Amino acid sequence: MNQLKALRTFLLAAEKRNFAQVARELDTTPASVTRAIAALEAELGVQLFVRTTRQVSLTADGAVFAARIDPAMRTLETARTDLMNAHKADEGRLRINAPMSFGRRVLPQILCGFRELYPKINVEITLTDQLLDMVDEDFDLAIRISGPPSDKFTIWRKICAIRRILVAAPGTPHVTHPNDLSADACLGYSSESRREGWLLSDGNSSVTIPAGRAISSNNGEVLARMAADGAGVALLPVFIVAEYLRTGRLVPILPEWSPSQIWLMLYYPPYQKLPPRISSFSDFFERQVPALVTALE
C-alpha cells in the first residue's frame, strides 16, 4: 500500500507541478511529498522531476512513466471504489434475476420503492424463467417461486408461500377426482420445458398426476393463456390467473384438492455473509412483497 500511495503522490505531482499544492490535497506536508518522490526516484533509479525554486517539472523519463502508469492507477482506483461501495448498505450495484411473470407484475413497484430509499444503489434486472448460475452470470441474487432447492451449496431465504390452484376454461368436462384428468390435457410447467408431476392432496389421500406430456412451457403466462383458450388444465399461482378468474375465462377445478406447497424465495451465491446492499434489498423485499402478492390475488 505504501508503494501505491507513492505512485498516487507522483501522479498528483505530475498533474499539479507543485509539491505544496499536492501536500494540501493529500492533507500532509510538503516535506512528506518531497520524501515520497525522492524515495520513488531512488527505487526506480531515475530522476522524475526537475526541481527549481520556482517550479517543479517532469523529466522526459517522468513524463513517460506518468503516461504509462496513469491508466493502471485509474483502474486500481475504480476497483478499490467499487469494492468499498459493494460493502456499503446504501451504495453499489445490485444485479437481480427474476421470473418473467413475477418480474412484470410485482417487481416494478418494489424497485421504485427501494430506489426511493436507496438512490445510490444501481439496480440491474434480468427476467428469465430459468434459474441461472449466479456466480457465472454475476448475479447478486435471484428471485424464484419453487420448492426448497436441492443444491446444498445454494443460500436461500423463504419469503412467503405462493398459493396455486387448478384452472381450466369454462365448459371443460367436469371432473371429481384427479385421476379423471387426462395426462394429455394437463399443461406442464417446467423451467426446462419438461414433464412434471402434480402432487395433490385432499387431506386424507394424495395422488400424483403427470403433466406436460402433450404441452409444457417454462412460462406461467403462456400456460394460463393456453388454458383459457381451451388447451387443457393448468396448475398455476393465483397471482398469474387472477385476472382470468375475474373475467370468467378460467374457472377453478377440483378445489378440494390442494397442490404441494411452493414458496417465493431469494437465492444467493455462496456468500459467507451477505454484502450490506444485498441484505438491504432482501429485507425491503421481504417487508413489501407478501402484501403485493396478496393484492394481486
Protein backbone atom coordinates (compact mmCIF):
# COMPACT_ATOMS: atom_id res chain seq x y z
CA MET A 1 0.00 0.00 0.00
CA ASN A 2 2.94 2.38 0.65
CA GLN A 3 4.06 1.93 -2.95
CA LEU A 4 0.55 2.64 -4.25
CA LYS A 5 0.46 5.74 -2.08
CA ALA A 6 3.80 6.85 -3.53
CA LEU A 7 2.53 6.31 -7.09
CA ARG A 8 -0.64 8.30 -6.37
CA THR A 9 1.50 11.08 -4.93
CA PHE A 10 3.71 11.03 -8.01
CA LEU A 11 0.75 11.24 -10.43
CA LEU A 12 -0.81 14.11 -8.49
CA ALA A 13 2.54 15.92 -8.51
CA ALA A 14 2.84 15.29 -12.25
CA GLU A 15 -0.57 16.90 -12.69
CA LYS A 16 -0.17 19.86 -10.31
CA ARG A 17 3.58 20.54 -10.78
CA ASN A 18 3.57 21.93 -7.24
CA PHE A 19 4.54 19.89 -4.18
CA ALA A 20 2.87 22.33 -1.76
CA GLN A 21 -0.46 22.00 -3.57
CA VAL A 22 -0.08 18.21 -3.61
CA ALA A 23 0.54 18.29 0.13
CA ARG A 24 -2.64 20.31 0.71
CA GLU A 25 -4.77 17.89 -1.34
CA LEU A 26 -3.30 14.87 0.42
CA ASP A 27 -3.52 16.53 3.84
CA THR A 28 0.19 16.12 4.50
CA THR A 29 3.31 18.31 4.49
CA PRO A 30 5.42 19.41 1.50
CA ALA A 31 8.37 17.68 3.13
CA SER A 32 6.48 14.38 3.16
CA VAL A 33 5.66 14.76 -0.54
CA THR A 34 9.32 15.54 -1.31
CA ARG A 35 10.46 12.46 0.63
CA ALA A 36 7.92 10.22 -1.11
CA ILE A 37 9.02 11.39 -4.57
CA ALA A 38 12.71 11.08 -3.64
CA ALA A 39 12.15 7.53 -2.37
CA LEU A 40 10.35 6.59 -5.60
CA GLU A 41 13.17 8.06 -7.68
CA ALA A 42 15.73 6.13 -5.62
CA GLU A 43 13.78 2.89 -6.11
CA LEU A 44 13.45 3.41 -9.87
CA GLY A 45 16.98 4.74 -10.32
CA VAL A 46 15.81 7.68 -12.43
CA GLN A 47 15.01 11.34 -11.85
CA LEU A 48 11.30 12.01 -12.28
CA PHE A 49 11.17 15.76 -11.63
CA VAL A 50 13.37 18.79 -12.20
CA ARG A 51 13.05 20.98 -9.12
CA THR A 52 13.80 24.70 -9.06
CA THR A 53 12.98 27.37 -6.53
CA ARG A 54 10.01 28.44 -8.64
CA GLN A 55 8.54 25.28 -10.13
CA VAL A 56 8.60 21.54 -10.48
CA SER A 57 8.52 19.91 -13.91
CA LEU A 58 8.63 16.36 -15.19
CA THR A 59 11.75 14.95 -16.78
CA ALA A 60 11.37 13.01 -20.02
CA ASP A 61 11.54 9.77 -18.02
CA GLY A 62 9.00 11.14 -15.55
CA ALA A 63 6.57 12.06 -18.35
CA VAL A 64 6.83 8.59 -19.92
CA PHE A 65 6.38 6.92 -16.54
CA ALA A 66 3.32 9.03 -15.71
CA ALA A 67 1.73 8.23 -19.07
CA ARG A 68 2.37 4.51 -18.60
CA ILE A 69 1.03 4.12 -15.04
CA ASP A 70 -1.89 6.55 -15.15
CA PRO A 71 -4.38 4.12 -16.82
CA ALA A 72 -3.39 1.31 -14.44
CA MET A 73 -3.77 3.54 -11.41
CA ARG A 74 -7.19 4.68 -12.59
CA THR A 75 -8.23 1.04 -12.98
CA LEU A 76 -6.97 0.21 -9.49
CA GLU A 77 -8.78 3.19 -8.02
CA THR A 78 -12.03 2.21 -9.75
CA ALA A 79 -11.70 -1.35 -8.46
CA ARG A 80 -10.99 -0.05 -4.97
CA THR A 81 -14.00 2.26 -5.03
CA ASP A 82 -16.31 -0.42 -6.42
CA LEU A 83 -15.22 -2.88 -3.75
CA MET A 84 -15.74 -0.36 -0.96
CA ASN A 85 -19.16 0.62 -2.33
CA ALA A 86 -20.14 -3.02 -2.63
CA HIS A 87 -19.84 -3.30 1.14
CA LYS A 88 -21.95 -0.27 1.92
CA ALA A 89 -25.63 -0.70 2.67
CA ASP A 90 -26.70 2.24 0.51
CA GLU A 91 -24.30 2.26 -2.45
CA GLY A 92 -23.10 -0.02 -5.22
CA ARG A 93 -24.52 -2.18 -8.00
CA LEU A 94 -27.24 -4.80 -7.49
CA ARG A 95 -27.84 -7.41 -10.22
CA ILE A 96 -31.12 -9.33 -9.83
CA ASN A 97 -32.51 -12.29 -11.77
CA ALA A 98 -36.27 -12.89 -11.53
CA PRO A 99 -39.04 -14.94 -13.20
CA MET A 100 -40.77 -13.28 -16.14
CA SER A 101 -44.34 -13.22 -14.79
CA PHE A 102 -43.39 -12.17 -11.26
CA GLY A 103 -40.92 -9.61 -12.58
CA ARG A 104 -43.51 -7.94 -14.81
CA ARG A 105 -46.31 -7.91 -12.25
CA VAL A 106 -44.60 -7.25 -8.93
CA LEU A 107 -41.04 -6.00 -9.30
CA PRO A 108 -41.69 -2.53 -10.77
CA GLN A 109 -43.45 -1.34 -7.61
CA ILE A 110 -40.85 -2.99 -5.38
CA LEU A 111 -37.94 -1.43 -7.25
CA CYS A 112 -39.47 2.04 -7.30
CA GLY A 113 -39.90 1.92 -3.54
CA PHE A 114 -36.42 0.54 -2.99
CA ARG A 115 -34.82 3.23 -5.15
CA GLU A 116 -36.58 5.94 -3.13
CA LEU A 117 -34.84 4.63 -0.01
CA TYR A 118 -31.50 3.79 -1.66
CA PRO A 119 -30.96 6.16 -4.61
CA LYS A 120 -27.22 5.38 -4.78
CA ILE A 121 -27.74 1.65 -5.39
CA ASN A 122 -27.81 0.95 -9.12
CA VAL A 123 -30.17 -1.92 -9.94
CA GLU A 124 -29.95 -4.20 -12.98
CA ILE A 125 -32.84 -6.64 -13.61
CA THR A 126 -32.78 -9.70 -15.86
CA LEU A 127 -36.07 -11.58 -16.31
CA THR A 128 -35.90 -15.27 -17.16
CA ASP A 129 -37.83 -18.35 -16.07
CA GLN A 130 -34.68 -20.44 -15.91
CA LEU A 131 -32.54 -20.44 -12.76
CA LEU A 132 -29.10 -19.40 -13.96
CA ASP A 133 -25.72 -19.98 -12.39
CA MET A 134 -25.49 -16.81 -10.32
CA VAL A 135 -21.72 -16.97 -9.94
CA ASP A 136 -21.00 -17.49 -13.64
CA GLU A 137 -23.63 -14.93 -14.66
CA ASP A 138 -22.54 -12.41 -11.98
CA PHE A 139 -25.92 -12.06 -10.24
CA ASP A 140 -26.13 -10.85 -6.65
CA LEU A 141 -29.42 -12.60 -6.00
CA ALA A 142 -32.23 -14.44 -7.77
CA ILE A 143 -35.95 -14.42 -7.06
CA ARG A 144 -37.66 -17.76 -7.59
CA ILE A 145 -41.01 -19.47 -6.98
CA SER A 146 -40.31 -23.11 -6.19
CA GLY A 147 -39.90 -25.74 -3.55
CA PRO A 148 -36.76 -25.75 -1.38
CA PRO A 149 -33.64 -26.17 -3.52
CA SER A 150 -31.75 -29.44 -3.50
CA ASP A 151 -28.37 -27.77 -4.07
CA LYS A 152 -26.70 -27.78 -0.64
CA PHE A 153 -24.32 -25.02 -1.73
CA THR A 154 -27.11 -22.55 -2.50
CA ILE A 155 -28.11 -19.96 0.10
CA TRP A 156 -31.86 -19.39 0.09
CA ARG A 157 -34.43 -17.45 2.07
CA LYS A 158 -38.17 -18.13 2.20
CA ILE A 159 -40.27 -15.00 1.79
CA CYS A 160 -43.88 -16.20 1.60
CA ALA A 161 -45.98 -19.12 0.40
CA ILE A 162 -47.40 -18.87 -3.12
CA ARG A 163 -50.94 -20.17 -3.49
CA ARG A 164 -51.63 -22.32 -6.56
CA ILE A 165 -54.88 -23.65 -8.00
CA LEU A 166 -56.01 -25.94 -10.82
CA VAL A 167 -57.79 -23.98 -13.56
CA ALA A 168 -59.44 -24.69 -16.90
CA ALA A 169 -61.65 -22.89 -19.40
CA PRO A 170 -65.40 -22.83 -18.73
CA GLY A 171 -67.09 -25.82 -20.31
CA THR A 172 -64.20 -28.19 -19.63
CA PRO A 173 -65.64 -31.67 -18.91
CA HIS A 174 -66.45 -31.99 -15.21
CA VAL A 175 -64.01 -33.98 -13.08
CA THR A 176 -64.48 -35.12 -9.48
CA HIS A 177 -61.08 -36.71 -8.84
CA PRO A 178 -57.54 -36.01 -10.09
CA ASN A 179 -57.46 -39.45 -11.67
CA ASP A 180 -60.22 -38.25 -14.01
CA LEU A 181 -57.73 -35.83 -15.61
CA SER A 182 -56.24 -36.92 -18.92
CA ALA A 183 -52.44 -36.69 -18.91
CA ASP A 184 -52.57 -35.08 -22.37
CA ALA A 185 -54.89 -32.37 -21.02
CA CYS A 186 -52.57 -31.36 -18.15
CA LEU A 187 -50.37 -28.43 -19.16
CA GLY A 188 -46.99 -28.80 -17.51
CA TYR A 189 -44.79 -26.08 -16.09
CA SER A 190 -41.05 -26.70 -16.10
CA SER A 191 -38.04 -24.41 -16.16
CA GLU A 192 -36.65 -26.68 -18.87
CA SER A 193 -40.00 -27.34 -20.59
CA ARG A 194 -40.11 -30.93 -19.38
CA ARG A 195 -42.83 -33.06 -17.85
CA GLU A 196 -43.77 -32.57 -14.23
CA GLY A 197 -45.86 -34.35 -11.62
CA TRP A 198 -48.67 -32.65 -9.72
CA LEU A 199 -48.81 -33.87 -6.13
CA LEU A 200 -52.39 -33.24 -4.98
CA SER A 201 -53.96 -33.95 -1.60
CA ASP A 202 -57.49 -33.73 -0.20
CA GLY A 203 -56.32 -34.07 3.39
CA ASN A 204 -56.92 -37.80 3.50
CA SER A 205 -55.10 -39.13 0.48
CA SER A 206 -52.54 -37.95 -2.05
CA VAL A 207 -52.13 -38.63 -5.73
CA THR A 208 -49.53 -37.61 -8.31
CA ILE A 209 -50.80 -36.64 -11.74
CA PRO A 210 -48.42 -36.49 -14.74
CA ALA A 211 -48.47 -33.17 -16.59
CA GLY A 212 -46.71 -31.76 -19.61
CA ARG A 213 -46.87 -34.90 -21.74
CA ALA A 214 -48.55 -33.09 -24.61
CA ILE A 215 -47.76 -29.44 -23.78
CA SER A 216 -45.23 -27.91 -21.39
CA SER A 217 -43.72 -24.47 -21.03
CA ASN A 218 -41.28 -22.62 -18.79
CA ASN A 219 -43.62 -19.61 -18.57
CA GLY A 220 -46.77 -19.50 -16.48
CA GLU A 221 -48.47 -16.77 -18.52
CA VAL A 222 -48.21 -18.88 -21.65
CA LEU A 223 -49.88 -21.79 -19.86
CA ALA A 224 -52.61 -19.52 -18.44
CA ARG A 225 -53.43 -18.19 -21.90
CA MET A 226 -53.48 -21.70 -23.38
CA ALA A 227 -55.75 -22.97 -20.61
CA ALA A 228 -58.10 -20.02 -21.16
CA ASP A 229 -58.19 -20.90 -24.86
CA GLY A 230 -59.30 -24.43 -24.01
CA ALA A 231 -55.99 -26.29 -24.42
CA GLY A 232 -56.27 -28.07 -21.08
CA VAL A 233 -55.89 -27.83 -17.30
CA ALA A 234 -53.11 -25.79 -15.68
CA LEU A 235 -51.75 -25.65 -12.14
CA LEU A 236 -50.56 -22.08 -11.61
CA PRO A 237 -50.02 -19.40 -8.96
CA VAL A 238 -53.18 -17.45 -8.26
CA PHE A 239 -51.47 -14.12 -8.99
CA ILE A 240 -50.92 -15.26 -12.60
CA VAL A 241 -54.51 -16.43 -13.23
CA ALA A 242 -56.40 -13.90 -11.05
CA GLU A 243 -57.45 -11.68 -13.95
CA TYR A 244 -58.64 -14.69 -15.97
CA LEU A 245 -60.71 -15.81 -12.96
CA ARG A 246 -62.24 -12.34 -12.55
CA THR A 247 -63.26 -12.18 -16.20
CA GLY A 248 -64.51 -15.78 -16.25
CA ARG A 249 -62.07 -17.01 -18.88
CA LEU A 250 -60.77 -19.53 -16.36
CA VAL A 251 -62.55 -21.35 -13.55
CA PRO A 252 -61.14 -23.38 -10.64
CA ILE A 253 -61.46 -27.15 -10.78
CA LEU A 254 -61.03 -29.74 -8.03
CA PRO A 255 -60.88 -27.00 -5.34
CA GLU A 256 -60.83 -29.59 -2.56
CA TRP A 257 -57.51 -30.98 -3.84
CA SER A 258 -54.50 -28.89 -2.80
CA PRO A 259 -51.13 -28.98 -4.56
CA SER A 260 -47.81 -29.28 -2.74
CA GLN A 261 -46.53 -26.05 -1.19
CA ILE A 262 -44.22 -23.75 -3.12
CA TRP A 263 -42.55 -20.58 -1.92
CA LEU A 264 -41.38 -17.23 -3.12
CA MET A 265 -37.69 -17.35 -2.26
CA LEU A 266 -34.48 -15.42 -2.63
CA TYR A 267 -31.40 -17.31 -3.79
CA TYR A 268 -27.85 -16.06 -3.27
CA PRO A 269 -24.36 -17.06 -4.38
CA PRO A 270 -22.41 -18.85 -1.62
CA TYR A 271 -21.52 -15.76 0.41
CA GLN A 272 -20.09 -16.28 3.88
CA LYS A 273 -22.05 -13.16 4.80
CA LEU A 274 -24.46 -11.19 2.63
CA PRO A 275 -22.99 -7.87 1.44
CA PRO A 276 -24.88 -4.97 3.04
CA ARG A 277 -26.50 -3.74 -0.19
CA ILE A 278 -27.92 -7.23 -0.84
CA SER A 279 -29.10 -7.54 2.73
CA SER A 280 -30.80 -4.12 2.43
CA PHE A 281 -32.72 -5.21 -0.66
CA SER A 282 -33.62 -8.59 0.84
CA ASP A 283 -35.06 -7.00 3.96
CA PHE A 284 -37.03 -4.46 1.93
CA PHE A 285 -38.28 -7.19 -0.41
CA GLU A 286 -39.45 -9.35 2.49
CA ARG A 287 -41.35 -6.45 4.06
CA GLN A 288 -43.11 -5.34 0.88
CA VAL A 289 -43.76 -8.38 -1.30
CA PRO A 290 -46.28 -10.51 0.67
CA ALA A 291 -48.89 -7.75 0.65
CA LEU A 292 -48.36 -7.10 -3.07
CA VAL A 293 -48.75 -10.78 -3.95
CA THR A 294 -51.91 -10.98 -1.85
CA ALA A 295 -53.31 -7.88 -3.59
CA LEU A 296 -52.77 -9.49 -6.99
CA GLU A 297 -54.78 -12.50 -5.92
